[in-house]
Amino acid sequence: MPRKKTLKGRMSGRKIREVAFYAGECCLEKKASEIVVLDLKKVVDVTDYFVIAQGFTDIHVRAVSQHLQEKLEEKYDLKPWHVEGFENGRWVLIDYVDFVVHVFQPETRQFYQLERLWADAGRFEIEDRTPEGKPAEF
């Protein structure tokens, strides 16, 4: 029998948003591209946000995923509830219950098209910092 997700609601809505966007920034630190945050709160009850990022090779996808996990544990003392696909490196899913991070290779991302599947969700792009060093606007 699958384990029930009992951690939902552990963080406040504002904190979940902060951590989800920070996860996107962590992906950017490892040169992931096309990073988006989907706000799923009005679409589904299972999780609040998807963070979707793209790496270019299996090694890059694993590096982004590993870095993200280390940074979230370091800053928020947060460990994933479940991780899938790390060994393969084509699509790593990191489930933090209140938000889920997907790190894809381009072909896999194109095939599954999560952004299209969840088109009703609010969409925020996380881009590289401006030349002045200020974060991009969300």
N, C-alpha and C. Protein backbone atom coordinates (compact mmCIF):
# COMPACT_ATOMS: atom_id res chain seq x y z
N MET A 1 0.85 -1.18 0.00
CA MET A 1 0.00 0.00 0.00
C MET A 1 0.90 1.24 0.00
N PRO A 2 0.65 2.23 -0.89
CA PRO A 2 1.48 3.42 -0.94
C PRO A 2 1.34 4.25 0.33
N ARG A 3 2.43 4.91 0.66
CA ARG A 3 2.42 5.79 1.81
C ARG A 3 1.56 7.01 1.56
N LYS A 4 0.77 7.40 2.53
CA LYS A 4 -0.08 8.58 2.40
C LYS A 4 0.77 9.83 2.64
N LYS A 5 0.53 10.86 1.84
CA LYS A 5 1.24 12.12 2.01
C LYS A 5 0.65 12.87 3.20
N THR A 6 1.32 12.80 4.32
CA THR A 6 0.80 13.44 5.52
C THR A 6 1.46 14.78 5.79
N LEU A 7 2.43 15.17 4.99
CA LEU A 7 3.15 16.40 5.25
C LEU A 7 2.47 17.64 4.69
N LYS A 8 1.45 17.49 3.85
CA LYS A 8 0.77 18.62 3.24
C LYS A 8 0.27 19.56 4.32
N GLY A 9 0.57 20.83 4.15
CA GLY A 9 0.14 21.81 5.12
C GLY A 9 1.16 22.09 6.21
N ARG A 10 2.33 21.47 6.13
CA ARG A 10 3.35 21.68 7.15
C ARG A 10 3.87 23.11 7.12
N MET A 11 3.93 23.70 5.93
CA MET A 11 4.39 25.08 5.78
C MET A 11 3.19 25.96 5.44
N SER A 12 3.30 27.25 5.75
CA SER A 12 2.26 28.19 5.36
C SER A 12 2.31 28.41 3.86
N GLY A 13 1.23 28.90 3.29
CA GLY A 13 1.17 29.16 1.86
C GLY A 13 2.27 30.09 1.38
N ARG A 14 2.53 31.12 2.16
CA ARG A 14 3.57 32.09 1.79
C ARG A 14 4.95 31.43 1.82
N LYS A 15 5.19 30.59 2.81
CA LYS A 15 6.48 29.90 2.92
C LYS A 15 6.66 28.90 1.78
N ILE A 16 5.59 28.19 1.42
CA ILE A 16 5.67 27.24 0.31
C ILE A 16 6.07 27.97 -0.96
N ARG A 17 5.45 29.10 -1.22
CA ARG A 17 5.77 29.90 -2.41
C ARG A 17 7.23 30.33 -2.38
N GLU A 18 7.68 30.82 -1.24
CA GLU A 18 9.08 31.24 -1.09
C GLU A 18 10.05 30.09 -1.40
N VAL A 19 9.79 28.94 -0.84
CA VAL A 19 10.68 27.80 -1.02
C VAL A 19 10.62 27.29 -2.46
N ALA A 20 9.45 27.27 -3.06
CA ALA A 20 9.32 26.82 -4.45
C ALA A 20 10.11 27.74 -5.38
N PHE A 21 10.00 29.04 -5.19
CA PHE A 21 10.76 29.97 -6.04
C PHE A 21 12.25 29.88 -5.76
N TYR A 22 12.60 29.65 -4.50
CA TYR A 22 14.02 29.44 -4.17
C TYR A 22 14.55 28.19 -4.87
N ALA A 23 13.73 27.15 -4.95
CA ALA A 23 14.12 25.93 -5.67
C ALA A 23 14.43 26.25 -7.12
N GLY A 24 13.61 27.10 -7.73
CA GLY A 24 13.88 27.53 -9.10
C GLY A 24 15.20 28.28 -9.22
N GLU A 25 15.47 29.14 -8.26
CA GLU A 25 16.74 29.88 -8.26
C GLU A 25 17.93 28.92 -8.10
N CYS A 26 17.75 27.89 -7.29
CA CYS A 26 18.82 26.89 -7.12
C CYS A 26 19.11 26.18 -8.44
N CYS A 27 18.08 25.89 -9.19
CA CYS A 27 18.27 25.27 -10.51
C CYS A 27 19.06 26.21 -11.42
N LEU A 28 18.75 27.48 -11.35
CA LEU A 28 19.45 28.48 -12.15
C LEU A 28 20.93 28.55 -11.79
N GLU A 29 21.25 28.37 -10.51
CA GLU A 29 22.65 28.40 -10.07
C GLU A 29 23.49 27.34 -10.77
N LYS A 30 22.87 26.23 -11.14
CA LYS A 30 23.58 25.16 -11.85
C LYS A 30 23.33 25.20 -13.35
N LYS A 31 22.93 26.38 -13.83
CA LYS A 31 22.77 26.64 -15.27
C LYS A 31 21.64 25.84 -15.92
N ALA A 32 20.62 25.49 -15.15
CA ALA A 32 19.43 24.92 -15.76
C ALA A 32 18.76 26.01 -16.59
N SER A 33 17.95 25.61 -17.55
CA SER A 33 17.31 26.60 -18.41
C SER A 33 15.80 26.41 -18.40
N GLU A 34 15.12 27.39 -18.99
CA GLU A 34 13.66 27.36 -19.14
C GLU A 34 12.97 26.94 -17.83
N ILE A 35 13.28 27.65 -16.79
CA ILE A 35 12.74 27.33 -15.46
C ILE A 35 11.40 28.04 -15.28
N VAL A 36 10.39 27.26 -14.93
CA VAL A 36 9.07 27.83 -14.66
C VAL A 36 8.53 27.28 -13.34
N VAL A 37 7.72 28.10 -12.71
CA VAL A 37 6.98 27.67 -11.52
C VAL A 37 5.51 27.73 -11.90
N LEU A 38 4.82 26.62 -11.72
CA LEU A 38 3.39 26.56 -11.97
C LEU A 38 2.65 26.56 -10.64
N ASP A 39 1.74 27.50 -10.48
CA ASP A 39 0.92 27.61 -9.28
C ASP A 39 -0.31 26.74 -9.48
N LEU A 40 -0.34 25.60 -8.80
CA LEU A 40 -1.40 24.61 -9.00
C LEU A 40 -2.49 24.66 -7.93
N LYS A 41 -2.43 25.63 -7.03
CA LYS A 41 -3.36 25.64 -5.89
C LYS A 41 -4.83 25.61 -6.31
N LYS A 42 -5.18 26.29 -7.40
CA LYS A 42 -6.57 26.34 -7.83
C LYS A 42 -6.92 25.20 -8.79
N VAL A 43 -5.93 24.39 -9.15
CA VAL A 43 -6.13 23.35 -10.16
C VAL A 43 -6.19 21.96 -9.55
N VAL A 44 -5.39 21.70 -8.52
CA VAL A 44 -5.28 20.36 -7.96
C VAL A 44 -5.02 20.46 -6.44
N ASP A 45 -5.41 19.44 -5.70
CA ASP A 45 -5.24 19.45 -4.24
C ASP A 45 -3.98 18.73 -3.77
N VAL A 46 -3.31 18.02 -4.66
CA VAL A 46 -2.19 17.16 -4.26
C VAL A 46 -0.95 17.96 -3.88
N THR A 47 -0.68 19.03 -4.60
CA THR A 47 0.49 19.86 -4.33
C THR A 47 0.17 21.29 -4.72
N ASP A 48 0.96 22.24 -4.24
CA ASP A 48 0.69 23.65 -4.54
C ASP A 48 1.45 24.17 -5.76
N TYR A 49 2.68 23.69 -5.96
CA TYR A 49 3.50 24.21 -7.05
C TYR A 49 4.26 23.09 -7.74
N PHE A 50 4.49 23.26 -9.04
CA PHE A 50 5.47 22.50 -9.79
C PHE A 50 6.58 23.47 -10.15
N VAL A 51 7.80 23.05 -9.94
CA VAL A 51 8.96 23.78 -10.44
C VAL A 51 9.52 22.91 -11.56
N ILE A 52 9.61 23.46 -12.76
CA ILE A 52 10.07 22.70 -13.92
C ILE A 52 11.32 23.37 -14.47
N ALA A 53 12.37 22.56 -14.64
CA ALA A 53 13.64 23.07 -15.15
C ALA A 53 14.20 22.09 -16.16
N GLN A 54 15.17 22.56 -16.91
CA GLN A 54 15.74 21.73 -17.97
C GLN A 54 17.26 21.70 -17.86
N GLY A 55 17.79 20.48 -17.91
CA GLY A 55 19.23 20.26 -18.01
C GLY A 55 19.53 19.69 -19.38
N PHE A 56 20.78 19.68 -19.79
CA PHE A 56 21.11 19.31 -21.17
C PHE A 56 21.58 17.87 -21.34
N THR A 57 22.08 17.26 -20.28
CA THR A 57 22.55 15.88 -20.34
C THR A 57 22.13 15.18 -19.05
N ASP A 58 22.30 13.87 -19.00
CA ASP A 58 21.96 13.16 -17.76
C ASP A 58 22.82 13.65 -16.59
N ILE A 59 24.08 13.93 -16.85
CA ILE A 59 24.96 14.43 -15.79
C ILE A 59 24.49 15.80 -15.30
N HIS A 60 24.11 16.66 -16.24
CA HIS A 60 23.63 17.99 -15.87
C HIS A 60 22.33 17.91 -15.07
N VAL A 61 21.40 17.08 -15.50
CA VAL A 61 20.12 16.93 -14.79
C VAL A 61 20.38 16.44 -13.37
N ARG A 62 21.27 15.47 -13.21
CA ARG A 62 21.58 14.97 -11.86
C ARG A 62 22.27 16.04 -11.01
N ALA A 63 23.16 16.82 -11.63
CA ALA A 63 23.86 17.88 -10.89
C ALA A 63 22.88 18.95 -10.40
N VAL A 64 21.96 19.35 -11.27
CA VAL A 64 20.94 20.33 -10.87
C VAL A 64 20.10 19.77 -9.73
N SER A 65 19.66 18.53 -9.86
CA SER A 65 18.82 17.89 -8.84
C SER A 65 19.54 17.77 -7.50
N GLN A 66 20.78 17.34 -7.54
CA GLN A 66 21.57 17.18 -6.31
C GLN A 66 21.80 18.53 -5.63
N HIS A 67 22.16 19.54 -6.42
CA HIS A 67 22.41 20.88 -5.89
C HIS A 67 21.16 21.43 -5.21
N LEU A 68 20.03 21.28 -5.89
CA LEU A 68 18.76 21.75 -5.35
C LEU A 68 18.46 21.11 -4.00
N GLN A 69 18.63 19.81 -3.90
CA GLN A 69 18.35 19.11 -2.64
C GLN A 69 19.28 19.58 -1.53
N GLU A 70 20.55 19.75 -1.86
CA GLU A 70 21.51 20.22 -0.86
C GLU A 70 21.17 21.63 -0.37
N LYS A 71 20.81 22.52 -1.28
CA LYS A 71 20.51 23.90 -0.91
C LYS A 71 19.23 24.00 -0.07
N LEU A 72 18.20 23.21 -0.43
CA LEU A 72 16.96 23.26 0.35
C LEU A 72 17.16 22.68 1.74
N GLU A 73 18.00 21.66 1.85
CA GLU A 73 18.28 21.12 3.18
C GLU A 73 19.10 22.11 4.01
N GLU A 74 20.06 22.74 3.36
CA GLU A 74 20.93 23.70 4.05
C GLU A 74 20.14 24.92 4.53
N LYS A 75 19.31 25.50 3.68
CA LYS A 75 18.61 26.74 4.02
C LYS A 75 17.34 26.51 4.83
N TYR A 76 16.58 25.47 4.50
CA TYR A 76 15.27 25.27 5.13
C TYR A 76 15.16 23.99 5.95
N ASP A 77 16.25 23.21 6.05
CA ASP A 77 16.22 21.92 6.73
C ASP A 77 15.11 21.05 6.14
N LEU A 78 15.02 21.05 4.81
CA LEU A 78 13.95 20.38 4.09
C LEU A 78 14.52 19.26 3.25
N LYS A 79 13.99 18.06 3.48
CA LYS A 79 14.41 16.88 2.70
C LYS A 79 13.23 16.42 1.86
N PRO A 80 13.50 15.88 0.67
CA PRO A 80 12.39 15.43 -0.17
C PRO A 80 11.67 14.23 0.43
N TRP A 81 10.37 14.16 0.19
CA TRP A 81 9.57 13.01 0.59
C TRP A 81 9.90 11.83 -0.32
N HIS A 82 10.17 12.12 -1.60
CA HIS A 82 10.45 11.06 -2.56
C HIS A 82 11.23 11.64 -3.75
N VAL A 83 12.17 10.86 -4.27
CA VAL A 83 12.94 11.24 -5.46
C VAL A 83 12.86 10.08 -6.44
N GLU A 84 12.59 10.40 -7.70
CA GLU A 84 12.53 9.38 -8.75
C GLU A 84 13.35 9.82 -9.94
N GLY A 85 13.97 8.88 -10.61
CA GLY A 85 14.65 9.13 -11.87
C GLY A 85 16.08 9.61 -11.79
N PHE A 86 16.63 9.68 -10.58
CA PHE A 86 17.98 10.23 -10.42
C PHE A 86 19.02 9.38 -11.16
N GLU A 87 18.88 8.07 -11.08
CA GLU A 87 19.87 7.19 -11.71
C GLU A 87 19.88 7.36 -13.23
N ASN A 88 18.70 7.49 -13.82
CA ASN A 88 18.56 7.62 -15.27
C ASN A 88 19.00 8.99 -15.75
N GLY A 89 18.57 10.05 -15.07
CA GLY A 89 18.98 11.40 -15.41
C GLY A 89 18.24 12.03 -16.58
N ARG A 90 17.17 11.41 -17.05
CA ARG A 90 16.39 12.02 -18.13
C ARG A 90 15.29 12.91 -17.57
N TRP A 91 14.71 12.47 -16.45
CA TRP A 91 13.68 13.24 -15.77
C TRP A 91 13.80 12.90 -14.29
N VAL A 92 14.21 13.85 -13.49
CA VAL A 92 14.29 13.65 -12.05
C VAL A 92 13.11 14.39 -11.42
N LEU A 93 12.33 13.66 -10.66
CA LEU A 93 11.19 14.21 -9.93
C LEU A 93 11.56 14.23 -8.45
N ILE A 94 11.48 15.40 -7.86
CA ILE A 94 11.81 15.57 -6.44
C ILE A 94 10.55 16.09 -5.75
N ASP A 95 9.94 15.24 -4.94
CA ASP A 95 8.65 15.54 -4.32
C ASP A 95 8.86 16.02 -2.89
N TYR A 96 8.53 17.29 -2.68
CA TYR A 96 8.58 17.87 -1.34
C TYR A 96 7.16 18.00 -0.76
N VAL A 97 6.21 17.34 -1.34
CA VAL A 97 4.79 17.28 -0.97
C VAL A 97 4.09 18.60 -1.28
N ASP A 98 4.48 19.70 -0.66
CA ASP A 98 3.83 20.99 -0.93
C ASP A 98 4.21 21.55 -2.28
N PHE A 99 5.32 21.10 -2.82
CA PHE A 99 5.73 21.44 -4.18
C PHE A 99 6.56 20.29 -4.73
N VAL A 100 6.58 20.18 -6.05
CA VAL A 100 7.30 19.10 -6.71
C VAL A 100 8.22 19.73 -7.76
N VAL A 101 9.47 19.30 -7.78
CA VAL A 101 10.43 19.80 -8.75
C VAL A 101 10.64 18.73 -9.82
N HIS A 102 10.60 19.15 -11.07
CA HIS A 102 10.85 18.28 -12.22
C HIS A 102 12.05 18.85 -12.96
N VAL A 103 13.10 18.05 -13.11
CA VAL A 103 14.26 18.47 -13.90
C VAL A 103 14.35 17.50 -15.08
N PHE A 104 14.18 18.04 -16.26
CA PHE A 104 14.10 17.25 -17.49
C PHE A 104 15.28 17.47 -18.41
N GLN A 105 15.55 16.49 -19.26
CA GLN A 105 16.32 16.73 -20.47
C GLN A 105 15.32 17.27 -21.50
N PRO A 106 15.79 18.02 -22.51
CA PRO A 106 14.86 18.67 -23.45
C PRO A 106 13.89 17.72 -24.14
N GLU A 107 14.34 16.57 -24.62
CA GLU A 107 13.46 15.65 -25.34
C GLU A 107 12.36 15.12 -24.43
N THR A 108 12.70 14.82 -23.20
CA THR A 108 11.73 14.28 -22.25
C THR A 108 10.71 15.34 -21.87
N ARG A 109 11.18 16.56 -21.66
CA ARG A 109 10.27 17.66 -21.35
C ARG A 109 9.30 17.89 -22.50
N GLN A 110 9.79 17.87 -23.70
CA GLN A 110 8.94 18.06 -24.87
C GLN A 110 7.91 16.94 -24.98
N PHE A 111 8.32 15.73 -24.70
CA PHE A 111 7.41 14.58 -24.81
C PHE A 111 6.25 14.68 -23.81
N TYR A 112 6.56 15.00 -22.54
CA TYR A 112 5.52 15.00 -21.51
C TYR A 112 4.73 16.31 -21.44
N GLN A 113 5.32 17.41 -21.83
CA GLN A 113 4.64 18.71 -21.91
C GLN A 113 3.81 19.04 -20.67
N LEU A 114 4.44 19.03 -19.52
CA LEU A 114 3.71 19.31 -18.28
C LEU A 114 3.08 20.70 -18.28
N GLU A 115 3.78 21.67 -18.88
CA GLU A 115 3.23 23.03 -18.90
C GLU A 115 1.91 23.06 -19.69
N ARG A 116 1.82 22.28 -20.75
CA ARG A 116 0.58 22.23 -21.53
C ARG A 116 -0.50 21.47 -20.76
N LEU A 117 -0.11 20.39 -20.12
CA LEU A 117 -1.04 19.60 -19.34
C LEU A 117 -1.68 20.43 -18.22
N TRP A 118 -0.88 21.28 -17.60
CA TRP A 118 -1.35 22.12 -16.50
C TRP A 118 -1.48 23.57 -16.96
N ALA A 119 -2.02 23.79 -18.14
CA ALA A 119 -2.12 25.13 -18.73
C ALA A 119 -3.02 26.06 -17.91
N ASP A 120 -3.92 25.52 -17.09
CA ASP A 120 -4.80 26.35 -16.27
C ASP A 120 -4.09 26.93 -15.05
N ALA A 121 -2.90 26.46 -14.78
CA ALA A 121 -2.15 26.93 -13.61
C ALA A 121 -1.50 28.28 -13.89
N GLY A 122 -1.30 29.06 -12.83
CA GLY A 122 -0.53 30.29 -12.97
C GLY A 122 0.90 29.93 -13.32
N ARG A 123 1.53 30.72 -14.19
CA ARG A 123 2.87 30.40 -14.69
C ARG A 123 3.82 31.56 -14.41
N PHE A 124 4.96 31.25 -13.81
CA PHE A 124 5.99 32.24 -13.53
C PHE A 124 7.32 31.73 -14.06
N GLU A 125 8.01 32.55 -14.82
CA GLU A 125 9.31 32.16 -15.36
C GLU A 125 10.41 32.69 -14.47
N ILE A 126 11.42 31.86 -14.26
CA ILE A 126 12.59 32.28 -13.49
C ILE A 126 13.73 32.40 -14.48
N GLU A 127 14.21 33.61 -14.62
CA GLU A 127 15.25 33.89 -15.60
C GLU A 127 16.54 34.28 -14.90
N ASP A 128 17.61 34.27 -15.68
CA ASP A 128 18.90 34.68 -15.16
C ASP A 128 18.82 36.11 -14.66
N ARG A 129 19.69 36.44 -13.75
CA ARG A 129 19.69 37.78 -13.17
C ARG A 129 20.06 38.84 -14.21
N THR A 130 19.56 40.02 -13.98
CA THR A 130 19.86 41.14 -14.86
C THR A 130 21.33 41.53 -14.71
N PRO A 131 21.87 42.32 -15.65
CA PRO A 131 23.28 42.73 -15.55
C PRO A 131 23.62 43.46 -14.25
N GLU A 132 22.64 44.12 -13.68
CA GLU A 132 22.89 44.84 -12.40
C GLU A 132 22.92 43.90 -11.20
N GLY A 133 22.67 42.62 -11.43
CA GLY A 133 22.69 41.65 -10.33
C GLY A 133 21.40 41.54 -9.58
N LYS A 134 20.34 42.20 -10.08
CA LYS A 134 19.04 42.13 -9.43
C LYS A 134 18.29 40.91 -9.95
N PRO A 135 17.50 40.27 -9.10
CA PRO A 135 16.74 39.12 -9.60
C PRO A 135 15.70 39.56 -10.60
N ALA A 136 15.38 38.69 -11.52
CA ALA A 136 14.33 38.95 -12.48
C ALA A 136 12.99 39.05 -11.74
N GLU A 137 12.08 39.84 -12.27
CA GLU A 137 10.76 39.99 -11.66
C GLU A 137 9.92 38.74 -11.87
N PHE A 138 9.16 38.36 -10.85
CA PHE A 138 8.26 37.20 -10.97
C PHE A 138 6.87 37.71 -11.26
